[in-house]
Amino acid sequence: MKNLFDYATKELSQDAFLRWLFENFDCEDNLSLKEASQQVLKKLCKICDEEIIEVKTYSQWHKVDIFTVIKTDKRIIALFIEDKVFSGEHNQLSRYNEFNN
């Protein structure tokens, strides 16, 4: 099992927790953690009838709080997570699309 404190060096606690949760999608030491990780990823990314093969998370990639790449047996999914407390509504997706090209 991956250690939560390997991720919680300088990032906010919730970012570290989500990265830890996502990257434990294949944890064989704790099957409850593995199932929780996969359920959250499948719900967030609308993954049905697919096997998750690989998950990589990145903090502050081009100022994105959490950037996650999920590889399934059928596709590759990019998941961007921004946690805001005091922010107005604005569209950051156009900026993210610039980095995807």
Protein backbone atom coordinates (compact mmCIF):
# COMPACT_ATOMS: atom_id res chain seq x y z
CA MET A 1 0.00 0.00 0.00
CA LYS A 2 1.26 3.47 -0.86
CA ASN A 3 1.86 5.79 2.10
CA LEU A 4 -0.32 8.93 2.40
CA PHE A 5 2.61 10.93 3.78
CA ASP A 6 4.63 10.33 0.61
CA TYR A 7 2.15 12.70 -1.06
CA ALA A 8 1.47 15.18 1.77
CA THR A 9 4.78 17.05 1.71
CA LYS A 10 3.66 20.57 0.70
CA GLU A 11 0.20 20.14 -0.83
CA LEU A 12 -3.09 20.70 0.90
CA SER A 13 -4.36 17.73 2.85
CA GLN A 14 -7.30 17.04 0.54
CA ASP A 15 -5.04 17.02 -2.53
CA ALA A 16 -2.67 14.59 -0.86
CA PHE A 17 -5.54 12.38 0.24
CA LEU A 18 -7.08 12.22 -3.24
CA ARG A 19 -3.73 11.45 -4.87
CA TRP A 20 -3.11 8.71 -2.29
CA LEU A 21 -6.62 7.30 -2.80
CA PHE A 22 -6.38 7.32 -6.60
CA GLU A 23 -2.92 5.73 -6.74
CA ASN A 24 -4.06 2.88 -4.49
CA PHE A 25 -6.42 1.65 -7.23
CA ASP A 26 -4.37 -1.56 -7.39
CA CYS A 27 -3.57 -2.00 -3.67
CA GLU A 28 -3.38 -5.68 -2.79
CA ASP A 29 -2.55 -5.05 0.89
CA ASN A 30 -5.96 -3.51 1.59
CA LEU A 31 -8.79 -4.65 -0.66
CA SER A 32 -11.25 -2.16 0.90
CA LEU A 33 -8.92 0.69 -0.07
CA LYS A 34 -8.55 -0.74 -3.57
CA GLU A 35 -12.32 -0.99 -3.98
CA ALA A 36 -12.90 2.53 -2.62
CA SER A 37 -10.28 3.96 -4.97
CA GLN A 38 -11.75 2.25 -8.01
CA GLN A 39 -15.31 3.22 -7.10
CA VAL A 40 -14.39 6.91 -6.75
CA LEU A 41 -12.43 6.93 -10.03
CA LYS A 42 -15.21 5.11 -11.88
CA LYS A 43 -17.85 7.50 -10.54
CA LEU A 44 -15.83 10.66 -11.32
CA CYS A 45 -14.87 9.50 -14.82
CA LYS A 46 -18.00 7.54 -15.76
CA ILE A 47 -16.01 4.35 -16.25
CA CYS A 48 -18.26 1.35 -16.96
CA ASP A 49 -17.28 -2.12 -18.11
CA GLU A 50 -13.61 -1.15 -18.22
CA GLU A 51 -10.61 -2.32 -16.25
CA ILE A 52 -8.40 0.38 -14.76
CA ILE A 53 -4.84 -0.50 -15.76
CA GLU A 54 -2.79 2.46 -14.50
CA VAL A 55 -3.28 5.68 -12.54
CA LYS A 56 -0.74 8.50 -12.30
CA THR A 57 -1.35 11.68 -10.33
CA TYR A 58 0.49 14.99 -10.45
CA SER A 59 0.30 18.03 -8.17
CA GLN A 60 0.42 21.57 -9.50
CA TRP A 61 0.97 20.48 -13.10
CA HIS A 62 0.66 23.79 -15.01
CA LYS A 63 -1.04 25.15 -11.85
CA VAL A 64 -3.71 22.42 -11.85
CA ASP A 65 -4.22 21.28 -8.25
CA ILE A 66 -4.44 17.60 -9.19
CA PHE A 67 -3.92 16.20 -12.68
CA THR A 68 -4.68 12.49 -12.99
CA VAL A 69 -4.15 10.19 -15.96
CA ILE A 70 -6.23 7.01 -15.86
CA LYS A 71 -5.50 4.26 -18.35
CA THR A 72 -8.18 1.63 -18.84
CA ASP A 73 -8.25 -1.35 -21.13
CA LYS A 74 -10.21 0.82 -23.61
CA ARG A 75 -9.02 4.43 -23.29
CA ILE A 76 -6.93 7.07 -21.54
CA ILE A 77 -8.74 9.61 -19.36
CA ALA A 78 -7.45 12.96 -18.08
CA LEU A 79 -9.02 14.10 -14.80
CA PHE A 80 -8.40 17.67 -13.60
CA ILE A 81 -9.29 18.64 -10.03
CA GLU A 82 -9.27 22.21 -8.78
CA ASP A 83 -10.27 22.89 -5.20
CA LYS A 84 -11.40 26.44 -4.68
CA VAL A 85 -12.57 28.19 -1.55
CA PHE A 86 -12.77 31.86 -2.55
CA SER A 87 -13.13 32.06 -6.31
CA GLY A 88 -15.66 33.35 -8.78
CA GLU A 89 -17.07 31.24 -11.56
CA HIS A 90 -14.73 30.97 -14.54
CA ASN A 91 -13.83 28.43 -17.20
CA GLN A 92 -10.39 26.89 -16.76
CA LEU A 93 -11.02 24.08 -19.25
CA SER A 94 -9.85 26.13 -22.22
CA ARG A 95 -6.49 26.65 -20.47
CA TYR A 96 -6.22 22.91 -19.74
CA ASN A 97 -6.95 22.05 -23.38
CA GLU A 98 -3.92 24.13 -24.42
CA PHE A 99 -1.66 21.78 -22.44
CA ASN A 100 -3.29 18.68 -23.92
CA ASN A 101 -2.25 19.56 -27.47
